[in-house]
Amino acid sequence: MPKLFTVYSSRCTHCKELAPEYSVAAKILKETNNLTLGKVDVSKEESLSKEFGIQGFPTIFLFQHGVKSEEYNGERTADGKEGRKMMKV
């Protein structure tokens, strides 16, 4: 099952703004698609920042079969059009 992960920092203002949208999207996707969402706080998992070359927060990745397939750079709202494109993986 494909997974969409956000890598965030608990000190990041943009990450705090994304959190409620991401929660709504997670519920929608769980009910309507074969896609799950997860999140990782880099202040607890610092090695991930280096492993995935993260330069800013939040960063959203799509994983398929346990392998990172792409970075998501579209709208960051639960009902955004570009988000719906990503849901159709």
Protein backbone atom coordinates (compact mmCIF):
# COMPACT_ATOMS: atom_id res chain seq x y z
CA MET A 1 0.00 0.00 0.00
CA PRO A 2 1.42 3.44 -0.92
CA LYS A 3 2.25 5.75 1.98
CA LEU A 4 2.54 9.51 2.07
CA PHE A 5 4.87 10.78 4.80
CA THR A 6 5.47 14.30 6.01
CA VAL A 7 8.82 14.99 7.59
CA TYR A 8 8.47 17.91 9.95
CA SER A 9 10.09 19.78 12.80
CA SER A 10 8.07 20.45 15.93
CA ARG A 11 9.56 23.98 15.97
CA CYS A 12 8.52 24.82 12.39
CA THR A 13 5.65 27.31 11.89
CA HIS A 14 4.80 25.92 8.43
CA CYS A 15 4.63 22.43 9.91
CA LYS A 16 2.23 23.59 12.61
CA GLU A 17 0.02 25.16 9.91
CA LEU A 18 0.03 21.93 7.88
CA ALA A 19 -0.86 19.66 10.81
CA PRO A 20 -4.68 20.17 10.81
CA GLU A 21 -4.89 19.82 7.00
CA TYR A 22 -2.77 16.69 7.11
CA SER A 23 -5.01 15.15 9.78
CA VAL A 24 -8.13 15.79 7.70
CA ALA A 25 -6.43 14.39 4.59
CA ALA A 26 -5.36 11.27 6.50
CA LYS A 27 -8.97 10.54 7.47
CA ILE A 28 -10.24 11.15 3.94
CA LEU A 29 -7.56 9.01 2.33
CA LYS A 30 -8.02 6.17 4.78
CA GLU A 31 -11.72 6.02 3.91
CA THR A 32 -11.56 6.64 0.15
CA ASN A 33 -8.20 5.40 -1.18
CA ASN A 34 -5.62 2.74 -0.73
CA LEU A 35 -3.15 5.28 0.68
CA THR A 36 -2.03 5.88 4.24
CA LEU A 37 -0.39 8.96 5.71
CA GLY A 38 2.33 9.11 8.31
CA LYS A 39 4.56 11.72 9.86
CA VAL A 40 8.06 11.84 11.27
CA ASP A 41 9.45 14.50 13.62
CA VAL A 42 13.10 15.04 12.66
CA SER A 43 13.92 16.32 16.12
CA LYS A 44 13.42 12.67 17.18
CA GLU A 45 14.72 11.06 13.95
CA GLU A 46 17.56 13.40 12.92
CA SER A 47 19.24 10.90 10.60
CA LEU A 48 16.27 11.02 8.20
CA SER A 49 17.05 14.63 7.30
CA LYS A 50 20.44 13.61 6.00
CA GLU A 51 19.29 10.31 4.49
CA PHE A 52 16.63 11.97 2.32
CA GLY A 53 18.42 15.28 1.72
CA ILE A 54 15.73 17.35 3.38
CA GLN A 55 16.40 21.07 3.15
CA GLY A 56 13.14 22.52 4.44
CA PHE A 57 10.06 21.64 6.43
CA PRO A 58 7.56 20.23 6.02
CA THR A 59 8.69 17.85 3.29
CA ILE A 60 6.20 15.30 1.96
CA PHE A 61 7.27 12.05 0.29
CA LEU A 62 5.35 9.29 -1.43
CA PHE A 63 6.62 5.78 -0.75
CA GLN A 64 5.60 2.77 -2.81
CA HIS A 65 6.62 -0.75 -1.82
CA GLY A 66 8.80 0.73 0.93
CA VAL A 67 10.82 2.88 -1.49
CA LYS A 68 10.66 6.67 -1.83
CA SER A 69 9.20 7.32 -5.26
CA GLU A 70 8.70 11.08 -5.30
CA GLU A 71 8.51 14.28 -3.30
CA TYR A 72 5.13 15.99 -3.19
CA ASN A 73 5.28 19.72 -3.97
CA GLY A 74 1.61 20.46 -4.65
CA GLU A 75 -1.09 22.15 -2.61
CA ARG A 76 -1.01 21.49 1.08
CA THR A 77 -4.68 21.50 1.87
CA ALA A 78 -6.88 18.49 2.50
CA ASP A 79 -9.11 19.31 -0.47
CA GLY A 80 -6.54 20.71 -2.92
CA LYS A 81 -6.79 19.63 -6.57
CA GLU A 82 -3.12 18.68 -6.73
CA GLY A 83 -3.54 16.62 -3.57
CA ARG A 84 -6.26 14.60 -5.29
CA LYS A 85 -3.84 13.85 -8.13
CA MET A 86 -1.39 12.42 -5.61
CA MET A 87 -4.17 10.29 -4.11
CA LYS A 88 -4.62 8.45 -7.40
CA VAL A 89 -1.35 6.49 -7.17
